[in-house]
Amino acid sequence: MEIKPGDILTIRVRNNTRTGIVTSAYNYGTDEDPNWYIELDDYTYGATYWKQGIDGGEIVENKEQ
């Protein structure tokens, strides 16, 4: 999966869903075993980040721009 700045991303972590515009995205894992660090401008909460390996959760939807 490719995620880049400007994409609209939805992430689900512990029954909480966040959606926003990606400002930066780095995969420190592999395509088969991703470990994303993503910063995004959340529509509800403002600037936030997600560390997949620490926070858990999953990417629910990625609307590429």
PDB file of N, CA and C in Angstrom:
ATOM      1  N   MET A   1       0.845  -1.171   0.000  1.00  0.00           N
ATOM      2  CA  MET A   1       0.000   0.000   0.000  1.00  0.00           C
ATOM      3  C   MET A   1       0.895   1.241   0.000  1.00  0.00           C
ATOM      4  N   GLU A   2       0.520   2.196  -0.791  1.00  0.00           N
ATOM      5  CA  GLU A   2       1.232   3.469  -0.822  1.00  0.00           C
ATOM      6  C   GLU A   2       0.365   4.537  -0.157  1.00  0.00           C
ATOM      7  N   ILE A   3       0.967   5.270   0.763  1.00  0.00           N
ATOM      8  CA  ILE A   3       0.285   6.389   1.417  1.00  0.00           C
ATOM      9  C   ILE A   3       1.195   7.586   1.287  1.00  0.00           C
ATOM     10  N   LYS A   4       0.633   8.701   0.853  1.00  0.00           N
ATOM     11  CA  LYS A   4       1.454   9.891   0.630  1.00  0.00           C
ATOM     12  C   LYS A   4       0.720  11.138   1.126  1.00  0.00           C
ATOM     13  N   PRO A   5       1.455  12.222   1.355  1.00  0.00           N
ATOM     14  CA  PRO A   5       0.815  13.459   1.782  1.00  0.00           C
ATOM     15  C   PRO A   5      -0.318  13.857   0.832  1.00  0.00           C
ATOM     16  N   GLY A   6      -1.415  14.309   1.428  1.00  0.00           N
ATOM     17  CA  GLY A   6      -2.588  14.701   0.655  1.00  0.00           C
ATOM     18  C   GLY A   6      -3.654  13.623   0.592  1.00  0.00           C
ATOM     19  N   ASP A   7      -3.276  12.350   0.835  1.00  0.00           N
ATOM     20  CA  ASP A   7      -4.273  11.288   0.862  1.00  0.00           C
ATOM     21  C   ASP A   7      -5.225  11.499   2.034  1.00  0.00           C
ATOM     22  N   ILE A   8      -6.445  11.028   1.892  1.00  0.00           N
ATOM     23  CA  ILE A   8      -7.420  11.058   2.984  1.00  0.00           C
ATOM     24  C   ILE A   8      -7.474   9.658   3.566  1.00  0.00           C
ATOM     25  N   LEU A   9      -7.131   9.552   4.848  1.00  0.00           N
ATOM     26  CA  LEU A   9      -6.940   8.259   5.485  1.00  0.00           C
ATOM     27  C   LEU A   9      -7.898   8.082   6.651  1.00  0.00           C
ATOM     28  N   THR A  10      -8.426   6.865   6.799  1.00  0.00           N
ATOM     29  CA  THR A  10      -9.231   6.500   7.955  1.00  0.00           C
ATOM     30  C   THR A  10      -8.515   5.367   8.677  1.00  0.00           C
ATOM     31  N   ILE A  11      -8.290   5.562   9.983  1.00  0.00           N
ATOM     32  CA  ILE A  11      -7.579   4.594  10.816  1.00  0.00           C
ATOM     33  C   ILE A  11      -8.496   4.196  11.970  1.00  0.00           C
ATOM     34  N   ARG A  12      -8.516   2.905  12.302  1.00  0.00           N
ATOM     35  CA  ARG A  12      -9.285   2.425  13.449  1.00  0.00           C
ATOM     36  C   ARG A  12      -8.307   1.888  14.494  1.00  0.00           C
ATOM     37  N   VAL A  13      -8.386   2.453  15.710  1.00  0.00           N
ATOM     38  CA  VAL A  13      -7.548   2.026  16.829  1.00  0.00           C
ATOM     39  C   VAL A  13      -8.427   1.901  18.056  1.00  0.00           C
ATOM     40  N   ARG A  14      -8.460   0.708  18.649  1.00  0.00           N
ATOM     41  CA  ARG A  14      -9.228   0.478  19.883  1.00  0.00           C
ATOM     42  C   ARG A  14     -10.648   1.053  19.814  1.00  0.00           C
ATOM     43  N   ASN A  15     -11.404   0.667  18.828  1.00  0.00           N
ATOM     44  CA  ASN A  15     -12.797   1.104  18.647  1.00  0.00           C
ATOM     45  C   ASN A  15     -12.960   2.602  18.438  1.00  0.00           C
ATOM     46  N   ASN A  16     -11.892   3.293  18.091  1.00  0.00           N
ATOM     47  CA  ASN A  16     -11.935   4.719  17.782  1.00  0.00           C
ATOM     48  C   ASN A  16     -11.508   4.880  16.327  1.00  0.00           C
ATOM     49  N   THR A  17     -12.286   5.595  15.546  1.00  0.00           N
ATOM     50  CA  THR A  17     -11.965   5.801  14.140  1.00  0.00           C
ATOM     51  C   THR A  17     -11.597   7.256  13.924  1.00  0.00           C
ATOM     52  N   ARG A  18     -10.480   7.468  13.230  1.00  0.00           N
ATOM     53  CA  ARG A  18     -10.009   8.820  12.913  1.00  0.00           C
ATOM     54  C   ARG A  18      -9.878   8.952  11.408  1.00  0.00           C
ATOM     55  N   THR A  19     -10.270  10.122  10.873  1.00  0.00           N
ATOM     56  CA  THR A  19     -10.142  10.400   9.443  1.00  0.00           C
ATOM     57  C   THR A  19      -9.531  11.775   9.278  1.00  0.00           C
ATOM     58  N   GLY A  20      -8.576  11.878   8.350  1.00  0.00           N
ATOM     59  CA  GLY A  20      -7.956  13.163   8.091  1.00  0.00           C
ATOM     60  C   GLY A  20      -7.049  13.127   6.879  1.00  0.00           C
ATOM     61  N   ILE A  21      -6.396  14.247   6.634  1.00  0.00           N
ATOM     62  CA  ILE A  21      -5.489  14.385   5.493  1.00  0.00           C
ATOM     63  C   ILE A  21      -4.070  14.087   5.951  1.00  0.00           C
ATOM     64  N   VAL A  22      -3.395  13.199   5.259  1.00  0.00           N
ATOM     65  CA  VAL A  22      -2.032  12.798   5.597  1.00  0.00           C
ATOM     66  C   VAL A  22      -1.072  13.955   5.329  1.00  0.00           C
ATOM     67  N   THR A  23      -0.234  14.271   6.338  1.00  0.00           N
ATOM     68  CA  THR A  23       0.816  15.279   6.146  1.00  0.00           C
ATOM     69  C   THR A  23       2.172  14.611   5.949  1.00  0.00           C
ATOM     70  N   SER A  24       2.375  13.417   6.523  1.00  0.00           N
ATOM     71  CA  SER A  24       3.576  12.620   6.255  1.00  0.00           C
ATOM     72  C   SER A  24       3.283  11.166   6.586  1.00  0.00           C
ATOM     73  N   ALA A  25       3.965  10.255   5.896  1.00  0.00           N
ATOM     74  CA  ALA A  25       3.742   8.828   6.113  1.00  0.00           C
ATOM     75  C   ALA A  25       5.027   8.055   5.814  1.00  0.00           C
ATOM     76  N   TYR A  26       5.444   7.223   6.773  1.00  0.00           N
ATOM     77  CA  TYR A  26       6.634   6.399   6.615  1.00  0.00           C
ATOM     78  C   TYR A  26       6.304   4.981   7.044  1.00  0.00           C
ATOM     79  N   ASN A  27       6.672   4.012   6.223  1.00  0.00           N
ATOM     80  CA  ASN A  27       6.493   2.609   6.564  1.00  0.00           C
ATOM     81  C   ASN A  27       7.858   2.052   6.964  1.00  0.00           C
ATOM     82  N   TYR A  28       8.028   1.762   8.257  1.00  0.00           N
ATOM     83  CA  TYR A  28       9.287   1.215   8.751  1.00  0.00           C
ATOM     84  C   TYR A  28       9.303  -0.303   8.698  1.00  0.00           C
ATOM     85  N   GLY A  29       8.235  -0.900   8.174  1.00  0.00           N
ATOM     86  CA  GLY A  29       8.151  -2.342   8.011  1.00  0.00           C
ATOM     87  C   GLY A  29       8.304  -2.708   6.542  1.00  0.00           C
ATOM     88  N   THR A  30       7.558  -3.710   6.126  1.00  0.00           N
ATOM     89  CA  THR A  30       7.557  -4.171   4.737  1.00  0.00           C
ATOM     90  C   THR A  30       6.130  -4.128   4.214  1.00  0.00           C
ATOM     91  N   ASP A  31       5.959  -4.409   2.921  1.00  0.00           N
ATOM     92  CA  ASP A  31       4.605  -4.460   2.362  1.00  0.00           C
ATOM     93  C   ASP A  31       3.792  -5.577   3.011  1.00  0.00           C
ATOM     94  N   GLU A  32       4.436  -6.707   3.316  1.00  0.00           N
ATOM     95  CA  GLU A  32       3.746  -7.840   3.923  1.00  0.00           C
ATOM     96  C   GLU A  32       3.493  -7.635   5.409  1.00  0.00           C
ATOM     97  N   ASP A  33       4.372  -6.901   6.084  1.00  0.00           N
ATOM     98  CA  ASP A  33       4.262  -6.655   7.520  1.00  0.00           C
ATOM     99  C   ASP A  33       4.527  -5.176   7.789  1.00  0.00           C
ATOM    100  N   PRO A  34       3.546  -4.300   7.485  1.00  0.00           N
ATOM    101  CA  PRO A  34       3.776  -2.863   7.608  1.00  0.00           C
ATOM    102  C   PRO A  34       3.902  -2.394   9.060  1.00  0.00           C
ATOM    103  N   ASN A  35       4.600  -1.303   9.223  1.00  0.00           N
ATOM    104  CA  ASN A  35       4.739  -0.641  10.517  1.00  0.00           C
ATOM    105  C   ASN A  35       4.742   0.862  10.248  1.00  0.00           C
ATOM    106  N   TRP A  36       3.556   1.429  10.094  1.00  0.00           N
ATOM    107  CA  TRP A  36       3.398   2.816   9.668  1.00  0.00           C
ATOM    108  C   TRP A  36       3.567   3.813  10.807  1.00  0.00           C
ATOM    109  N   TYR A  37       4.184   4.937  10.499  1.00  0.00           N
ATOM    110  CA  TYR A  37       4.169   6.141  11.322  1.00  0.00           C
ATOM    111  C   TYR A  37       3.553   7.210  10.433  1.00  0.00           C
ATOM    112  N   ILE A  38       2.365   7.682  10.803  1.00  0.00           N
ATOM    113  CA  ILE A  38       1.621   8.608   9.958  1.00  0.00           C
ATOM    114  C   ILE A  38       1.220   9.835  10.762  1.00  0.00           C
ATOM    115  N   GLU A  39       1.478  11.007  10.205  1.00  0.00           N
ATOM    116  CA  GLU A  39       0.986  12.259  10.769  1.00  0.00           C
ATOM    117  C   GLU A  39      -0.160  12.716   9.888  1.00  0.00           C
ATOM    118  N   LEU A  40      -1.245  13.171  10.516  1.00  0.00           N
ATOM    119  CA  LEU A  40      -2.373  13.629   9.729  1.00  0.00           C
ATOM    120  C   LEU A  40      -3.098  14.764  10.418  1.00  0.00           C
ATOM    121  N   ASP A  41      -3.827  15.510   9.625  1.00  0.00           N
ATOM    122  CA  ASP A  41      -4.670  16.587  10.117  1.00  0.00           C
ATOM    123  C   ASP A  41      -6.076  16.012  10.240  1.00  0.00           C
ATOM    124  N   ASP A  42      -6.399  15.541  11.433  1.00  0.00           N
ATOM    125  CA  ASP A  42      -7.670  14.891  11.713  1.00  0.00           C
ATOM    126  C   ASP A  42      -8.799  15.914  11.614  1.00  0.00           C
ATOM    127  N   TYR A  43      -9.883  15.551  10.936  1.00  0.00           N
ATOM    128  CA  TYR A  43     -11.006  16.459  10.741  1.00  0.00           C
ATOM    129  C   TYR A  43     -11.654  16.881  12.063  1.00  0.00           C
ATOM    130  N   THR A  44     -11.589  16.029  13.081  1.00  0.00           N
ATOM    131  CA  THR A  44     -12.229  16.322  14.357  1.00  0.00           C
ATOM    132  C   THR A  44     -11.256  16.849  15.404  1.00  0.00           C
ATOM    133  N   TYR A  45     -10.055  16.258  15.483  1.00  0.00           N
ATOM    134  CA  TYR A  45      -9.128  16.543  16.582  1.00  0.00           C
ATOM    135  C   TYR A  45      -7.922  17.398  16.200  1.00  0.00           C
ATOM    136  N   GLY A  46      -7.766  17.726  14.937  1.00  0.00           N
ATOM    137  CA  GLY A  46      -6.609  18.510  14.505  1.00  0.00           C
ATOM    138  C   GLY A  46      -5.392  17.632  14.256  1.00  0.00           C
ATOM    139  N   ALA A  47      -4.209  18.223  14.390  1.00  0.00           N
ATOM    140  CA  ALA A  47      -2.966  17.505  14.094  1.00  0.00           C
ATOM    141  C   ALA A  47      -2.776  16.349  15.068  1.00  0.00           C
ATOM    142  N   THR A  48      -2.461  15.176  14.530  1.00  0.00           N
ATOM    143  CA  THR A  48      -2.257  13.985  15.341  1.00  0.00           C
ATOM    144  C   THR A  48      -1.318  13.042  14.601  1.00  0.00           C
ATOM    145  N   TYR A  49      -0.942  11.951  15.246  1.00  0.00           N
ATOM    146  CA  TYR A  49      -0.095  10.949  14.601  1.00  0.00           C
ATOM    147  C   TYR A  49      -0.529   9.563  15.034  1.00  0.00           C
ATOM    148  N   TRP A  50      -0.093   8.556  14.272  1.00  0.00           N
ATOM    149  CA  TRP A  50      -0.407   7.162  14.560  1.00  0.00           C
ATOM    150  C   TRP A  50       0.843   6.341  14.354  1.00  0.00           C
ATOM    151  N   LYS A  51       1.242   5.603  15.379  1.00  0.00           N
ATOM    152  CA  LYS A  51       2.363   4.672  15.305  1.00  0.00           C
ATOM    153  C   LYS A  51       1.781   3.275  15.348  1.00  0.00           C
ATOM    154  N   GLN A  52       1.726   2.618  14.196  1.00  0.00           N
ATOM    155  CA  GLN A  52       1.063   1.327  14.093  1.00  0.00           C
ATOM    156  C   GLN A  52       1.649   0.289  15.048  1.00  0.00           C
ATOM    157  N   GLY A  53       2.975   0.226  15.137  1.00  0.00           N
ATOM    158  CA  GLY A  53       3.613  -0.786  15.977  1.00  0.00           C
ATOM    159  C   GLY A  53       3.363  -0.578  17.459  1.00  0.00           C
ATOM    160  N   ILE A  54       3.105   0.645  17.879  1.00  0.00           N
ATOM    161  CA  ILE A  54       2.885   0.948  19.296  1.00  0.00           C
ATOM    162  C   ILE A  54       1.395   1.052  19.612  1.00  0.00           C
ATOM    163  N   ASP A  55       0.649   1.794  18.770  1.00  0.00           N
ATOM    164  CA  ASP A  55      -0.774   2.038  19.017  1.00  0.00           C
ATOM    165  C   ASP A  55      -1.661   0.871  18.606  1.00  0.00           C
ATOM    166  N   GLY A  56      -1.177   0.045  17.684  1.00  0.00           N
ATOM    167  CA  GLY A  56      -2.016  -1.014  17.134  1.00  0.00           C
ATOM    168  C   GLY A  56      -2.979  -0.423  16.127  1.00  0.00           C
ATOM    169  N   GLY A  57      -4.005  -1.164  15.806  1.00  0.00           N
ATOM    170  CA  GLY A  57      -5.016  -0.668  14.882  1.00  0.00           C
ATOM    171  C   GLY A  57      -4.716  -0.994  13.442  1.00  0.00           C
ATOM    172  N   GLU A  58      -5.521  -0.418  12.570  1.00  0.00           N
ATOM    173  CA  GLU A  58      -5.403  -0.727  11.145  1.00  0.00           C
ATOM    174  C   GLU A  58      -5.886   0.443  10.300  1.00  0.00           C
ATOM    175  N   ILE A  59      -5.441   0.472   9.072  1.00  0.00           N
ATOM    176  CA  ILE A  59      -5.913   1.441   8.098  1.00  0.00           C
ATOM    177  C   ILE A  59      -7.199   0.872   7.498  1.00  0.00           C
ATOM    178  N   VAL A  60      -8.275   1.617   7.619  1.00  0.00           N
ATOM    179  CA  VAL A  60      -9.581   1.161   7.141  1.00  0.00           C
ATOM    180  C   VAL A  60      -9.799   1.586   5.697  1.00  0.00           C
ATOM    181  N   GLU A  61      -9.391   2.802   5.374  1.00  0.00           N
ATOM    182  CA  GLU A  61      -9.600   3.325   4.009  1.00  0.00           C
ATOM    183  C   GLU A  61      -8.518   4.344   3.674  1.00  0.00           C
ATOM    184  N   ASN A  62      -8.068   4.314   2.423  1.00  0.00           N
ATOM    185  CA  ASN A  62      -7.099   5.291   1.928  1.00  0.00           C
ATOM    186  C   ASN A  62      -7.606   5.812   0.585  1.00  0.00           C
ATOM    187  N   LYS A  63      -7.995   7.069   0.567  1.00  0.00           N
ATOM    188  CA  LYS A  63      -8.422   7.708  -0.684  1.00  0.00           C
ATOM    189  C   LYS A  63      -7.237   8.496  -1.204  1.00  0.00           C
ATOM    190  N   GLU A  64      -6.565   7.923  -2.204  1.00  0.00           N
ATOM    191  CA  GLU A  64      -5.380   8.562  -2.757  1.00  0.00           C
ATOM    192  C   GLU A  64      -5.742   9.810  -3.548  1.00  0.00           C
ATOM    193  N   GLN A  65      -4.922  10.846  -3.401  1.00  0.00           N
ATOM    194  CA  GLN A  65      -5.121  12.100  -4.121  1.00  0.00           C
ATOM    195  C   GLN A  65      -4.172  12.179  -5.297  1.00  0.00           C
TER     196      GLN A  65
END
